[in-house]
Amino acid sequence: MEIRFLEIAQIELDETVEYYNSESVGLGDAFLLEVLNAIERIKRFPEAWHPFSNNTRRCQLHRFPFGIIYQIEGSGRKIADRGVRPQHSTR
């Protein structure tokens, strides 16, 4: 299954990794690893998470208060990541 990040989603991810690494050495790397693990879960079970809106879903991270917002496109072979957002975000 193909995962495609939107440009803004990649920017958000990079900025969050940078922020956490500035707070504590290695914390951003731990955040990135958590995101990569969540992406693997999404690839294996794309419909496992509750709908976030009509055509998007959100996979919550375990250790960090963020979720991955994504859409399943086409025949379910492609997932477009819409962003890594704080848990309280509604956009």
Protein backbone atom coordinates (compact mmCIF):
# COMPACT_ATOMS: atom_id res chain seq x y z
CA MET A 1 0.00 0.00 0.00
CA GLU A 2 1.32 3.40 -0.97
CA ILE A 3 1.49 6.25 1.53
CA ARG A 4 1.65 9.78 0.17
CA PHE A 5 2.30 12.77 2.42
CA LEU A 6 0.96 16.14 1.42
CA GLU A 7 3.64 18.82 1.44
CA ILE A 8 2.04 20.60 4.40
CA ALA A 9 1.88 17.31 6.32
CA GLN A 10 5.61 16.78 5.76
CA ILE A 11 6.33 20.33 6.93
CA GLU A 12 4.23 19.81 10.08
CA LEU A 13 6.03 16.55 10.79
CA ASP A 14 9.49 18.07 10.29
CA GLU A 15 8.65 21.07 12.50
CA THR A 16 7.30 18.86 15.27
CA VAL A 17 10.37 16.61 15.21
CA GLU A 18 12.58 19.70 15.37
CA TYR A 19 10.55 21.15 18.25
CA TYR A 20 10.71 17.97 20.35
CA ASN A 21 14.46 17.60 19.70
CA SER A 22 14.95 21.19 20.90
CA GLU A 23 13.07 20.34 24.11
CA SER A 24 15.06 17.19 24.85
CA VAL A 25 17.78 15.41 22.90
CA GLY A 26 16.31 12.42 21.12
CA LEU A 27 12.68 13.24 21.90
CA GLY A 28 12.01 14.32 18.32
CA ASP A 29 13.52 11.07 17.08
CA ALA A 30 11.22 9.15 19.43
CA PHE A 31 8.28 11.15 18.06
CA LEU A 32 9.27 10.32 14.47
CA LEU A 33 9.58 6.63 15.34
CA GLU A 34 6.08 6.76 16.87
CA VAL A 35 4.73 8.35 13.67
CA LEU A 36 6.41 5.70 11.51
CA ASN A 37 4.95 2.94 13.67
CA ALA A 38 1.48 4.49 13.34
CA ILE A 39 1.89 4.68 9.57
CA GLU A 40 2.70 0.95 9.51
CA ARG A 41 -0.48 0.28 11.52
CA ILE A 42 -2.47 2.38 9.06
CA LYS A 43 -0.98 0.47 6.12
CA ARG A 44 -1.93 -2.86 7.67
CA PHE A 45 -5.39 -1.84 8.91
CA PRO A 46 -6.46 1.35 7.07
CA GLU A 47 -10.06 1.25 8.27
CA ALA A 48 -9.31 0.45 11.91
CA TRP A 49 -9.60 4.02 13.20
CA HIS A 50 -12.71 6.06 13.75
CA PRO A 51 -13.73 8.55 11.10
CA PHE A 52 -12.50 12.08 11.74
CA SER A 53 -14.86 13.58 9.14
CA ASN A 54 -16.82 12.26 6.17
CA ASN A 55 -13.80 11.03 4.24
CA THR A 56 -10.89 11.16 6.70
CA ARG A 57 -9.72 9.06 9.61
CA ARG A 58 -7.41 9.75 12.53
CA CYS A 59 -4.89 7.35 14.04
CA GLN A 60 -3.84 8.50 17.51
CA LEU A 61 -0.22 8.14 18.56
CA HIS A 62 0.41 6.22 21.76
CA ARG A 63 3.11 8.28 23.47
CA PHE A 64 2.47 11.76 22.08
CA PRO A 65 -0.75 13.84 21.99
CA PHE A 66 -0.92 13.77 18.19
CA GLY A 67 -2.89 11.94 15.56
CA ILE A 68 -2.29 11.18 11.91
CA ILE A 69 -5.11 12.45 9.73
CA TYR A 70 -5.46 10.40 6.54
CA GLN A 71 -7.72 9.44 3.67
CA ILE A 72 -7.98 6.15 1.82
CA GLU A 73 -7.99 6.88 -1.89
CA GLY A 74 -9.12 4.82 -4.86
CA SER A 75 -9.42 1.10 -4.27
CA GLY A 76 -7.77 1.34 -0.85
CA ARG A 77 -4.28 0.95 -2.23
CA LYS A 78 -3.20 4.52 -1.49
CA ILE A 79 -3.35 6.51 1.73
CA ALA A 80 -2.93 10.26 1.58
CA ASP A 81 -1.65 11.64 4.86
CA ARG A 82 -3.29 14.96 5.58
CA GLY A 83 -1.20 15.83 8.60
CA VAL A 84 0.18 15.02 12.00
CA ARG A 85 -1.90 17.17 14.31
CA PRO A 86 -2.19 17.76 18.04
CA GLN A 87 -4.92 15.72 19.71
CA HIS A 88 -7.13 18.75 20.33
CA SER A 89 -6.97 20.02 16.73
CA THR A 90 -10.20 20.13 14.74
CA ARG A 91 -8.85 21.31 11.39
